[in-house]
PDB file of N, CA and C in Angstrom:
ATOM      1  N   UNK A   1      91.200  73.990 103.804  1.00  0.00           N
ATOM      2  CA  UNK A   1      90.865  74.961 102.680  1.00  0.00           C
ATOM      3  C   UNK A   1      89.477  74.201 102.847  1.00  0.00           C
ATOM      4  N   UNK A   2      88.608  75.700 102.554  1.00  0.00           N
ATOM      5  CA  UNK A   2      87.270  75.101 102.706  1.00  0.00           C
ATOM      6  C   UNK A   2      86.326  75.121 101.155  1.00  0.00           C
ATOM      7  N   UNK A   3      84.993  74.277 101.208  1.00  0.00           N
ATOM      8  CA  UNK A   3      84.461  73.817 100.482  1.00  0.00           C
ATOM      9  C   UNK A   3      83.871  74.959  99.609  1.00  0.00           C
ATOM     10  N   UNK A   4      84.357  74.509  98.332  1.00  0.00           N
ATOM     11  CA  UNK A   4      83.553  75.661  97.317  1.00  0.00           C
ATOM     12  C   UNK A   4      82.236  75.183  96.625  1.00  0.00           C
ATOM     13  N   UNK A   5      81.161  75.543  96.440  1.00  0.00           N
ATOM     14  CA  UNK A   5      79.851  74.778  96.341  1.00  0.00           C
ATOM     15  C   UNK A   5      79.615  75.037  94.218  1.00  0.00           C
ATOM     16  N   UNK A   6      80.275  76.454  94.027  1.00  0.00           N
ATOM     17  CA  UNK A   6      79.491  76.913  92.641  1.00  0.00           C
ATOM     18  C   UNK A   6      80.292  77.210  91.962  1.00  0.00           C
ATOM     19  N   UNK A   7      81.161  76.767  90.570  1.00  0.00           N
ATOM     20  CA  UNK A   7      82.078  77.172  89.954  1.00  0.00           C
ATOM     21  C   UNK A   7      81.218  78.375  88.996  1.00  0.00           C
ATOM     22  N   UNK A   8      81.457  79.668  88.964  1.00  0.00           N
ATOM     23  CA  UNK A   8      80.789  80.672  87.694  1.00  0.00           C
ATOM     24  C   UNK A   8      81.440  81.196  86.705  1.00  0.00           C
ATOM     25  N   UNK A   9      81.036  80.839  85.946  1.00  0.00           N
ATOM     26  CA  UNK A   9      81.737  81.671  84.611  1.00  0.00           C
ATOM     27  C   UNK A   9      80.800  82.907  83.974  1.00  0.00           C
ATOM     28  N   UNK A  10      81.519  84.109  84.092  1.00  0.00           N
ATOM     29  CA  UNK A  10      81.031  85.506  83.680  1.00  0.00           C
ATOM     30  C   UNK A  10      81.815  85.741  82.334  1.00  0.00           C
ATOM     31  N   UNK A  11      81.122  85.647  81.198  1.00  0.00           N
ATOM     32  CA  UNK A  11      80.952  86.250  79.811  1.00  0.00           C
ATOM     33  C   UNK A  11      79.955  87.242  79.718  1.00  0.00           C
ATOM     34  N   UNK A  12      80.324  87.756  77.919  1.00  0.00           N
ATOM     35  CA  UNK A  12      79.755  88.541  77.762  1.00  0.00           C
ATOM     36  C   UNK A  12      78.764  87.781  76.166  1.00  0.00           C
ATOM     37  N   UNK A  13      77.550  87.974  76.350  1.00  0.00           N
ATOM     38  CA  UNK A  13      76.623  87.737  75.279  1.00  0.00           C
ATOM     39  C   UNK A  13      76.936  88.677  74.181  1.00  0.00           C
ATOM     40  N   UNK A  14      76.335  88.164  72.958  1.00  0.00           N
ATOM     41  CA  UNK A  14      76.513  89.025  71.797  1.00  0.00           C
ATOM     42  C   UNK A  14      75.851  90.216  71.743  1.00  0.00           C
ATOM     43  N   UNK A  15      74.743  90.562  72.569  1.00  0.00           N
ATOM     44  CA  UNK A  15      74.058  91.636  72.391  1.00  0.00           C
ATOM     45  C   UNK A  15      74.878  92.635  73.880  1.00  0.00           C
ATOM     46  N   UNK A  16      75.990  92.283  74.093  1.00  0.00           N
ATOM     47  CA  UNK A  16      76.803  93.182  75.650  1.00  0.00           C
ATOM     48  C   UNK A  16      76.327  92.683  76.213  1.00  0.00           C
ATOM     49  N   UNK A  17      74.958  92.069  77.065  1.00  0.00           N
ATOM     50  CA  UNK A  17      74.913  91.661  78.460  1.00  0.00           C
ATOM     51  C   UNK A  17      75.683  90.427  79.026  1.00  0.00           C
ATOM     52  N   UNK A  18      75.762  90.446  80.118  1.00  0.00           N
ATOM     53  CA  UNK A  18      76.501  89.661  81.002  1.00  0.00           C
ATOM     54  C   UNK A  18      75.923  88.289  80.969  1.00  0.00           C
ATOM     55  N   UNK A  19      76.633  87.124  80.378  1.00  0.00           N
ATOM     56  CA  UNK A  19      76.352  85.923  80.467  1.00  0.00           C
ATOM     57  C   UNK A  19      76.806  84.943  81.700  1.00  0.00           C
ATOM     58  N   UNK A  20      76.195  84.571  82.750  1.00  0.00           N
ATOM     59  CA  UNK A  20      76.570  84.221  83.594  1.00  0.00           C
ATOM     60  C   UNK A  20      76.281  82.078  84.049  1.00  0.00           C
ATOM     61  N   UNK A  21      76.813  81.561  83.910  1.00  0.00           N
ATOM     62  CA  UNK A  21      76.934  80.251  84.245  1.00  0.00           C
ATOM     63  C   UNK A  21      77.248  79.748  85.246  1.00  0.00           C
ATOM     64  N   UNK A  22      76.908  78.852  85.961  1.00  0.00           N
ATOM     65  CA  UNK A  22      77.711  78.341  87.034  1.00  0.00           C
ATOM     66  C   UNK A  22      77.237  76.893  87.018  1.00  0.00           C
ATOM     67  N   UNK A  23      78.381  76.373  87.627  1.00  0.00           N
ATOM     68  CA  UNK A  23      78.266  74.958  87.725  1.00  0.00           C
ATOM     69  C   UNK A  23      78.729  74.119  88.993  1.00  0.00           C
ATOM     70  N   UNK A  24      78.134  73.227  89.336  1.00  0.00           N
ATOM     71  CA  UNK A  24      78.529  72.323  90.313  1.00  0.00           C
ATOM     72  C   UNK A  24      79.557  71.968  91.072  1.00  0.00           C
ATOM     73  N   UNK A  25      80.828  71.716  89.693  1.00  0.00           N
ATOM     74  CA  UNK A  25      81.967  71.140  90.296  1.00  0.00           C
ATOM     75  C   UNK A  25      82.733  71.939  89.299  1.00  0.00           C
ATOM     76  N   UNK A  26      83.766  71.501  89.149  1.00  0.00           N
ATOM     77  CA  UNK A  26      84.861  72.282  87.942  1.00  0.00           C
ATOM     78  C   UNK A  26      85.157  71.460  87.331  1.00  0.00           C
ATOM     79  N   UNK A  27      84.282  69.962  87.231  1.00  0.00           N
ATOM     80  CA  UNK A  27      84.397  69.076  86.288  1.00  0.00           C
ATOM     81  C   UNK A  27      84.243  69.270  84.689  1.00  0.00           C
ATOM     82  N   UNK A  28      82.897  70.511  84.598  1.00  0.00           N
ATOM     83  CA  UNK A  28      82.445  70.883  83.109  1.00  0.00           C
ATOM     84  C   UNK A  28      83.421  71.841  82.749  1.00  0.00           C
ATOM     85  N   UNK A  29      84.140  72.417  83.446  1.00  0.00           N
ATOM     86  CA  UNK A  29      85.157  73.598  83.116  1.00  0.00           C
ATOM     87  C   UNK A  29      86.392  72.918  82.512  1.00  0.00           C
ATOM     88  N   UNK A  30      86.624  71.746  83.364  1.00  0.00           N
ATOM     89  CA  UNK A  30      87.894  71.181  82.874  1.00  0.00           C
ATOM     90  C   UNK A  30      87.709  70.290  81.497  1.00  0.00           C
ATOM     91  N   UNK A  31      86.451  70.336  81.178  1.00  0.00           N
ATOM     92  CA  UNK A  31      86.075  69.839  79.671  1.00  0.00           C
ATOM     93  C   UNK A  31      85.890  70.925  78.916  1.00  0.00           C
ATOM     94  N   UNK A  32      85.875  72.041  79.195  1.00  0.00           N
ATOM     95  CA  UNK A  32      85.593  73.041  77.743  1.00  0.00           C
ATOM     96  C   UNK A  32      86.702  73.725  77.648  1.00  0.00           C
ATOM     97  N   UNK A  33      87.297  73.933  78.953  1.00  0.00           N
ATOM     98  CA  UNK A  33      88.543  74.925  78.557  1.00  0.00           C
ATOM     99  C   UNK A  33      89.884  74.082  79.141  1.00  0.00           C
ATOM    100  N   UNK A  34      91.144  74.510  78.615  1.00  0.00           N
ATOM    101  CA  UNK A  34      92.461  74.225  78.880  1.00  0.00           C
ATOM    102  C   UNK A  34      92.862  74.393  80.329  1.00  0.00           C
ATOM    103  N   UNK A  35      93.657  73.742  80.749  1.00  0.00           N
ATOM    104  CA  UNK A  35      94.326  73.948  82.303  1.00  0.00           C
ATOM    105  C   UNK A  35      95.458  74.201  81.972  1.00  0.00           C
ATOM    106  N   UNK A  36      96.259  75.459  82.895  1.00  0.00           N
ATOM    107  CA  UNK A  36      97.236  75.834  82.220  1.00  0.00           C
ATOM    108  C   UNK A  36      97.803  75.781  83.099  1.00  0.00           C
ATOM    109  N   UNK A  37      97.272  76.148  84.700  1.00  0.00           N
ATOM    110  CA  UNK A  37      97.767  76.031  85.414  1.00  0.00           C
ATOM    111  C   UNK A  37      97.006  75.700  87.018  1.00  0.00           C
ATOM    112  N   UNK A  38      97.540  75.993  87.888  1.00  0.00           N
ATOM    113  CA  UNK A  38      97.253  75.792  89.401  1.00  0.00           C
ATOM    114  C   UNK A  38      97.132  77.191  90.150  1.00  0.00           C
ATOM    115  N   UNK A  39      96.329  77.708  90.890  1.00  0.00           N
ATOM    116  CA  UNK A  39      96.579  78.993  91.636  1.00  0.00           C
ATOM    117  C   UNK A  39      97.244  78.710  92.994  1.00  0.00           C
ATOM    118  N   UNK A  40      98.435  79.368  92.879  1.00  0.00           N
ATOM    119  CA  UNK A  40      99.303  78.708  94.082  1.00  0.00           C
ATOM    120  C   UNK A  40      99.745  80.120  94.918  1.00  0.00           C
ATOM    121  N   UNK A  41      99.681  81.315  94.543  1.00  0.00           N
ATOM    122  CA  UNK A  41     100.032  82.674  95.258  1.00  0.00           C
ATOM    123  C   UNK A  41      98.532  83.150  95.771  1.00  0.00           C
ATOM    124  N   UNK A  42      97.186  82.728  95.582  1.00  0.00           N
ATOM    125  CA  UNK A  42      96.068  83.672  96.038  1.00  0.00           C
ATOM    126  C   UNK A  42      96.679  83.909  97.459  1.00  0.00           C
ATOM    127  N   UNK A  43      95.779  85.424  97.750  1.00  0.00           N
ATOM    128  CA  UNK A  43      95.722  85.801  99.018  1.00  0.00           C
ATOM    129  C   UNK A  43      94.541  85.254  99.772  1.00  0.00           C
ATOM    130  N   UNK A  44      93.437  84.600  99.345  1.00  0.00           N
ATOM    131  CA  UNK A  44      92.687  83.536  99.859  1.00  0.00           C
ATOM    132  C   UNK A  44      93.050  82.160  99.846  1.00  0.00           C
ATOM    133  N   UNK A  45      93.392  81.796 100.922  1.00  0.00           N
ATOM    134  CA  UNK A  45      93.660  80.319 100.993  1.00  0.00           C
ATOM    135  C   UNK A  45      93.093  79.448 100.468  1.00  0.00           C
ATOM    136  N   UNK A  46      91.489  79.789 100.284  1.00  0.00           N
ATOM    137  CA  UNK A  46      90.988  78.981 100.163  1.00  0.00           C
ATOM    138  C   UNK A  46      90.857  78.629  98.557  1.00  0.00           C
ATOM    139  N   UNK A  47      91.388  79.272  97.654  1.00  0.00           N
ATOM    140  CA  UNK A  47      91.650  79.619  96.177  1.00  0.00           C
ATOM    141  C   UNK A  47      92.917  78.765  95.845  1.00  0.00           C
ATOM    142  N   UNK A  48      93.856  78.825  96.951  1.00  0.00           N
ATOM    143  CA  UNK A  48      95.305  77.978  96.466  1.00  0.00           C
ATOM    144  C   UNK A  48      95.100  76.741  95.511  1.00  0.00           C
ATOM    145  N   UNK A  49      95.163  76.202  94.700  1.00  0.00           N
ATOM    146  CA  UNK A  49      95.155  74.855  94.010  1.00  0.00           C
ATOM    147  C   UNK A  49      94.272  74.436  93.012  1.00  0.00           C
ATOM    148  N   UNK A  50      93.273  75.711  93.043  1.00  0.00           N
ATOM    149  CA  UNK A  50      92.052  75.948  92.181  1.00  0.00           C
ATOM    150  C   UNK A  50      92.659  75.773  90.960  1.00  0.00           C
ATOM    151  N   UNK A  51      92.012  75.262  89.869  1.00  0.00           N
ATOM    152  CA  UNK A  51      92.437  75.158  88.515  1.00  0.00           C
ATOM    153  C   UNK A  51      92.857  76.652  87.556  1.00  0.00           C
ATOM    154  N   UNK A  52      93.890  77.085  86.912  1.00  0.00           N
ATOM    155  CA  UNK A  52      93.923  78.321  86.267  1.00  0.00           C
ATOM    156  C   UNK A  52      93.739  78.109  84.374  1.00  0.00           C
ATOM    157  N   UNK A  53      92.391  78.717  83.714  1.00  0.00           N
ATOM    158  CA  UNK A  53      92.232  78.376  82.723  1.00  0.00           C
ATOM    159  C   UNK A  53      92.743  78.981  81.749  1.00  0.00           C
ATOM    160  N   UNK A  54      93.354  78.872  80.055  1.00  0.00           N
ATOM    161  CA  UNK A  54      93.430  79.590  79.420  1.00  0.00           C
ATOM    162  C   UNK A  54      92.155  80.102  78.907  1.00  0.00           C
ATOM    163  N   UNK A  55      92.277  81.672  78.840  1.00  0.00           N
ATOM    164  CA  UNK A  55      91.149  82.286  77.942  1.00  0.00           C
ATOM    165  C   UNK A  55      90.054  83.113  79.150  1.00  0.00           C
ATOM    166  N   UNK A  56      90.299  82.605  79.916  1.00  0.00           N
ATOM    167  CA  UNK A  56      89.480  83.236  81.729  1.00  0.00           C
ATOM    168  C   UNK A  56      90.255  83.554  82.601  1.00  0.00           C
ATOM    169  N   UNK A  57      89.871  84.872  82.988  1.00  0.00           N
ATOM    170  CA  UNK A  57      90.826  85.446  84.559  1.00  0.00           C
ATOM    171  C   UNK A  57      89.690  84.690  85.794  1.00  0.00           C
ATOM    172  N   UNK A  58      91.168  84.158  86.635  1.00  0.00           N
ATOM    173  CA  UNK A  58      90.809  83.712  87.889  1.00  0.00           C
ATOM    174  C   UNK A  58      91.452  82.770  88.588  1.00  0.00           C
ATOM    175  N   UNK A  59      90.864  81.773  89.414  1.00  0.00           N
ATOM    176  CA  UNK A  59      89.863  81.995  90.366  1.00  0.00           C
ATOM    177  C   UNK A  59      89.924  83.104  90.971  1.00  0.00           C
ATOM    178  N   UNK A  60      88.988  84.203  91.549  1.00  0.00           N
ATOM    179  CA  UNK A  60      88.596  84.822  92.332  1.00  0.00           C
ATOM    180  C   UNK A  60      87.728  84.429  93.272  1.00  0.00           C
ATOM    181  N   UNK A  61      87.373  84.973  94.357  1.00  0.00           N
ATOM    182  CA  UNK A  61      86.411  84.713  95.263  1.00  0.00           C
ATOM    183  C   UNK A  61      84.942  85.507  95.178  1.00  0.00           C
ATOM    184  N   UNK A  62      84.084  85.306  94.807  1.00  0.00           N
ATOM    185  CA  UNK A  62      82.655  85.973  94.817  1.00  0.00           C
ATOM    186  C   UNK A  62      82.006  86.105  96.394  1.00  0.00           C
ATOM    187  N   UNK A  63      81.943  84.908  96.693  1.00  0.00           N
ATOM    188  CA  UNK A  63      81.491  85.203  98.417  1.00  0.00           C
ATOM    189  C   UNK A  63      82.010  84.035  98.505  1.00  0.00           C
ATOM    190  N   UNK A  64      81.528  83.781 100.252  1.00  0.00           N
ATOM    191  CA  UNK A  64      81.791  82.296 101.006  1.00  0.00           C
ATOM    192  C   UNK A  64      82.243  80.876 100.171  1.00  0.00           C
ATOM    193  N   UNK A  65      81.174  80.745  99.028  1.00  0.00           N
ATOM    194  CA  UNK A  65      80.874  79.528  98.299  1.00  0.00           C
ATOM    195  C   UNK A  65      81.061  79.145  96.878  1.00  0.00           C
ATOM    196  N   UNK A  66      81.572  80.540  96.287  1.00  0.00           N
ATOM    197  CA  UNK A  66      81.810  80.416  94.990  1.00  0.00           C
ATOM    198  C   UNK A  66      82.802  80.953  94.319  1.00  0.00           C
ATOM    199  N   UNK A  67      83.218  80.022  93.415  1.00  0.00           N
ATOM    200  CA  UNK A  67      84.363  80.805  92.742  1.00  0.00           C
ATOM    201  C   UNK A  67      84.633  80.813  91.567  1.00  0.00           C
ATOM    202  N   UNK A  68      84.574  82.778  91.086  1.00  0.00           N
ATOM    203  CA  UNK A  68      84.432  83.138  90.138  1.00  0.00           C
ATOM    204  C   UNK A  68      85.603  82.918  88.651  1.00  0.00           C
ATOM    205  N   UNK A  69      84.857  83.313  88.134  1.00  0.00           N
ATOM    206  CA  UNK A  69      86.176  83.041  86.701  1.00  0.00           C
ATOM    207  C   UNK A  69      85.648  83.885  85.643  1.00  0.00           C
ATOM    208  N   UNK A  70      86.286  85.421  84.805  1.00  0.00           N
ATOM    209  CA  UNK A  70      85.885  86.274  84.024  1.00  0.00           C
ATOM    210  C   UNK A  70      86.441  85.980  82.502  1.00  0.00           C
ATOM    211  N   UNK A  71      86.008  86.233  81.689  1.00  0.00           N
ATOM    212  CA  UNK A  71      86.274  86.373  80.722  1.00  0.00           C
ATOM    213  C   UNK A  71      87.033  87.568  80.382  1.00  0.00           C
ATOM    214  N   UNK A  72      88.411  88.190  79.591  1.00  0.00           N
ATOM    215  CA  UNK A  72      88.965  89.314  79.555  1.00  0.00           C
ATOM    216  C   UNK A  72      88.368  90.649  79.560  1.00  0.00           C
ATOM    217  N   UNK A  73      87.697  90.051  78.720  1.00  0.00           N
ATOM    218  CA  UNK A  73      86.786  91.205  78.511  1.00  0.00           C
ATOM    219  C   UNK A  73      86.015  91.967  79.345  1.00  0.00           C
ATOM    220  N   UNK A  74      85.504  90.603  80.214  1.00  0.00           N
ATOM    221  CA  UNK A  74      84.641  90.639  81.444  1.00  0.00           C
ATOM    222  C   UNK A  74      85.184  91.992  82.393  1.00  0.00           C
ATOM    223  N   UNK A  75      86.453  90.894  82.729  1.00  0.00           N
ATOM    224  CA  UNK A  75      86.877  91.442  83.439  1.00  0.00           C
ATOM    225  C   UNK A  75      87.650  93.163  83.558  1.00  0.00           C
ATOM    226  N   UNK A  76      88.343  93.463  82.366  1.00  0.00           N
ATOM    227  CA  UNK A  76      88.300  94.894  81.733  1.00  0.00           C
ATOM    228  C   UNK A  76      87.118  95.387  82.523  1.00  0.00           C
ATOM    229  N   UNK A  77      86.387  95.424  81.541  1.00  0.00           N
ATOM    230  CA  UNK A  77      84.799  96.591  81.770  1.00  0.00           C
ATOM    231  C   UNK A  77      84.845  96.266  83.505  1.00  0.00           C
ATOM    232  N   UNK A  78      84.677  94.972  84.244  1.00  0.00           N
ATOM    233  CA  UNK A  78      84.591  95.284  85.333  1.00  0.00           C
ATOM    234  C   UNK A  78      85.252  96.295  86.282  1.00  0.00           C
ATOM    235  N   UNK A  79      86.179  95.991  85.980  1.00  0.00           N
ATOM    236  CA  UNK A  79      87.480  96.719  86.632  1.00  0.00           C
ATOM    237  C   UNK A  79      87.859  98.391  86.981  1.00  0.00           C
ATOM    238  N   UNK A  80      87.339  98.152  85.138  1.00  0.00           N
ATOM    239  CA  UNK A  80      87.108 100.129  84.583  1.00  0.00           C
ATOM    240  C   UNK A  80      86.268 100.204  85.354  1.00  0.00           C
ATOM    241  N   UNK A  81      84.560  99.684  85.558  1.00  0.00           N
ATOM    242  CA  UNK A  81      83.717 100.246  86.269  1.00  0.00           C
ATOM    243  C   UNK A  81      83.879 100.611  87.998  1.00  0.00           C
ATOM    244  N   UNK A  82      84.765  99.740  88.398  1.00  0.00           N
ATOM    245  CA  UNK A  82      85.258  99.373  90.209  1.00  0.00           C
ATOM    246  C   UNK A  82      86.212 100.971  90.158  1.00  0.00           C
ATOM    247  N   UNK A  83      87.285 101.027  89.380  1.00  0.00           N
ATOM    248  CA  UNK A  83      88.185 101.956  89.140  1.00  0.00           C
ATOM    249  C   UNK A  83      87.432 103.489  89.346  1.00  0.00           C
ATOM    250  N   UNK A  84      86.301 103.248  88.310  1.00  0.00           N
ATOM    251  CA  UNK A  84      85.903 104.884  88.163  1.00  0.00           C
ATOM    252  C   UNK A  84      84.421 105.368  89.024  1.00  0.00           C
ATOM    253  N   UNK A  85      84.341 104.497  90.395  1.00  0.00           N
ATOM    254  CA  UNK A  85      83.857 104.757  91.332  1.00  0.00           C
ATOM    255  C   UNK A  85      84.407 106.039  91.977  1.00  0.00           C
ATOM    256  N   UNK A  86      83.346 106.906  92.277  1.00  0.00           N
ATOM    257  CA  UNK A  86      83.962 107.862  93.305  1.00  0.00           C
ATOM    258  C   UNK A  86      84.780 107.071  94.587  1.00  0.00           C
ATOM    259  N   UNK A  87      85.427 108.080  94.879  1.00  0.00           N
ATOM    260  CA  UNK A  87      85.808 107.459  96.248  1.00  0.00           C
ATOM    261  C   UNK A  87      84.806 108.415  97.317  1.00  0.00           C
ATOM    262  N   UNK A  88      84.537 107.275  98.154  1.00  0.00           N
ATOM    263  CA  UNK A  88      84.082 107.719  99.761  1.00  0.00           C
ATOM    264  C   UNK A  88      84.684 108.666 100.410  1.00  0.00           C
ATOM    265  N   UNK A  89      84.312 110.139 100.651  1.00  0.00           N
ATOM    266  CA  UNK A  89      85.286 111.251 101.220  1.00  0.00           C
ATOM    267  C   UNK A  89      84.326 110.735 102.525  1.00  0.00           C
ATOM    268  N   UNK A  90      85.474 110.554 103.388  1.00  0.00           N
ATOM    269  CA  UNK A  90      85.515 110.649 104.966  1.00  0.00           C
ATOM    270  C   UNK A  90      85.104 112.047 105.788  1.00  0.00           C
ATOM    271  N   UNK A  91      84.619 112.300 106.371  1.00  0.00           N
ATOM    272  CA  UNK A  91      84.605 113.346 107.478  1.00  0.00           C
ATOM    273  C   UNK A  91      85.517 113.761 108.427  1.00  0.00           C
ATOM    274  N   UNK A  92      86.805 114.408 108.372  1.00  0.00           N
ATOM    275  CA  UNK A  92      87.439 114.508 109.552  1.00  0.00           C
ATOM    276  C   UNK A  92      86.913 114.873 110.447  1.00  0.00           C
ATOM    277  N   UNK A  93      87.548 114.653 111.603  1.00  0.00           N
ATOM    278  CA  UNK A  93      86.802 115.158 112.594  1.00  0.00           C
ATOM    279  C   UNK A  93      87.598 116.481 113.350  1.00  0.00           C
ATOM    280  N   UNK A  94      87.324 117.739 113.741  1.00  0.00           N
ATOM    281  CA  UNK A  94      88.461 118.530 113.905  1.00  0.00           C
ATOM    282  C   UNK A  94      88.497 118.603 114.988  1.00  0.00           C
ATOM    283  N   UNK A  95      89.471 118.972 115.724  1.00  0.00           N
ATOM    284  CA  UNK A  95      89.475 118.959 117.390  1.00  0.00           C
ATOM    285  C   UNK A  95      89.647 120.462 117.119  1.00  0.00           C
ATOM    286  N   UNK A  96      89.159 121.059 118.422  1.00  0.00           N
ATOM    287  CA  UNK A  96      88.824 122.586 118.837  1.00  0.00           C
ATOM    288  C   UNK A  96      90.793 122.996 119.279  1.00  0.00           C
ATOM    289  N   UNK A  97      90.850 124.002 118.999  1.00  0.00           N
ATOM    290  CA  UNK A  97      92.467 124.563 119.165  1.00  0.00           C
ATOM    291  C   UNK A  97      91.895 124.549 120.897  1.00  0.00           C
ATOM    292  N   UNK A  98      92.965 124.077 121.601  1.00  0.00           N
ATOM    293  CA  UNK A  98      92.990 124.092 123.016  1.00  0.00           C
ATOM    294  C   UNK A  98      92.863 125.725 123.411  1.00  0.00           C
ATOM    295  N   UNK A  99      92.295 126.377 124.411  1.00  0.00           N
ATOM    296  CA  UNK A  99      92.820 127.599 124.805  1.00  0.00           C
ATOM    297  C   UNK A  99      93.618 127.815 125.534  1.00  0.00           C
ATOM    298  N   UNK A 100      94.148 128.907 125.550  1.00  0.00           N
ATOM    299  CA  UNK A 100      95.583 129.164 126.135  1.00  0.00           C
ATOM    300  C   UNK A 100      97.000 128.759 125.179  1.00  0.00           C
ATOM    301  N   UNK A 101      96.907 128.498 124.169  1.00  0.00           N
ATOM    302  CA  UNK A 101      97.683 127.800 123.191  1.00  0.00           C
ATOM    303  C   UNK A 101      99.065 129.122 123.421  1.00  0.00           C
ATOM    304  N   UNK A 102      98.419 130.218 122.783  1.00  0.00           N
ATOM    305  CA  UNK A 102      99.294 131.184 122.231  1.00  0.00           C
ATOM    306  C   UNK A 102     100.182 131.477 123.555  1.00  0.00           C
ATOM    307  N   UNK A 103      99.599 131.597 124.927  1.00  0.00           N
ATOM    308  CA  UNK A 103     100.090 131.406 126.056  1.00  0.00           C
ATOM    309  C   UNK A 103     101.352 130.703 126.084  1.00  0.00           C
ATOM    310  N   UNK A 104     101.479 129.541 125.837  1.00  0.00           N
ATOM    311  CA  UNK A 104     102.149 128.412 125.873  1.00  0.00           C
ATOM    312  C   UNK A 104     103.194 128.573 124.689  1.00  0.00           C
ATOM    313  N   UNK A 105     102.640 129.099 123.666  1.00  0.00           N
ATOM    314  CA  UNK A 105     103.511 129.443 122.373  1.00  0.00           C
ATOM    315  C   UNK A 105     104.671 130.284 123.296  1.00  0.00           C
ATOM    316  N   UNK A 106     104.236 131.592 124.075  1.00  0.00           N
ATOM    317  CA  UNK A 106     105.207 132.716 124.010  1.00  0.00           C
ATOM    318  C   UNK A 106     105.958 131.849 125.453  1.00  0.00           C
ATOM    319  N   UNK A 107     105.753 131.329 125.988  1.00  0.00           N
ATOM    320  CA  UNK A 107     106.212 130.701 127.347  1.00  0.00           C
ATOM    321  C   UNK A 107     107.713 129.746 126.551  1.00  0.00           C
ATOM    322  N   UNK A 108     107.168 129.114 125.630  1.00  0.00           N
ATOM    323  CA  UNK A 108     108.612 128.168 124.832  1.00  0.00           C
ATOM    324  C   UNK A 108     109.209 129.296 124.087  1.00  0.00           C
ATOM    325  N   UNK A 109     108.814 130.078 123.778  1.00  0.00           N
ATOM    326  CA  UNK A 109     109.888 131.153 122.733  1.00  0.00           C
ATOM    327  C   UNK A 109     110.300 132.291 123.577  1.00  0.00           C
ATOM    328  N   UNK A 110     109.804 132.000 124.622  1.00  0.00           N
ATOM    329  CA  UNK A 110     110.606 132.980 125.617  1.00  0.00           C
ATOM    330  C   UNK A 110     111.918 132.432 126.264  1.00  0.00           C
ATOM    331  N   UNK A 111     111.325 130.826 126.613  1.00  0.00           N
ATOM    332  CA  UNK A 111     112.664 129.848 127.317  1.00  0.00           C
ATOM    333  C   UNK A 111     114.180 129.480 126.256  1.00  0.00           C
ATOM    334  N   UNK A 112     113.841 129.959 124.390  1.00  0.00           N
ATOM    335  CA  UNK A 112     114.489 129.255 123.770  1.00  0.00           C
ATOM    336  C   UNK A 112     115.434 130.421 123.519  1.00  0.00           C
TER     337      UNK A 112
END
């Protein structure tokens, strides 16, 4: 399990802006929130065993050393923004039609 240096809690302020609080350890979160379980199914193995808190969504990785928790309102808004972004269309490489394909098709149809 890799070391996580920062625990980040993202909520909404009264004016609607994001309020981000960083903690060096999980201890302040354990004092201010009720732990209701531990994460045992994350695909990020470094998050397994991290606490799950009542009223917060997470844990989720933000980058290599940050564990992120969000309020349900922030999670919902961020998810809606993320899904509303238009998909980047990839340019498909078109192959040129090989010369003589008609001749090959005629030969195949004659033999059938």
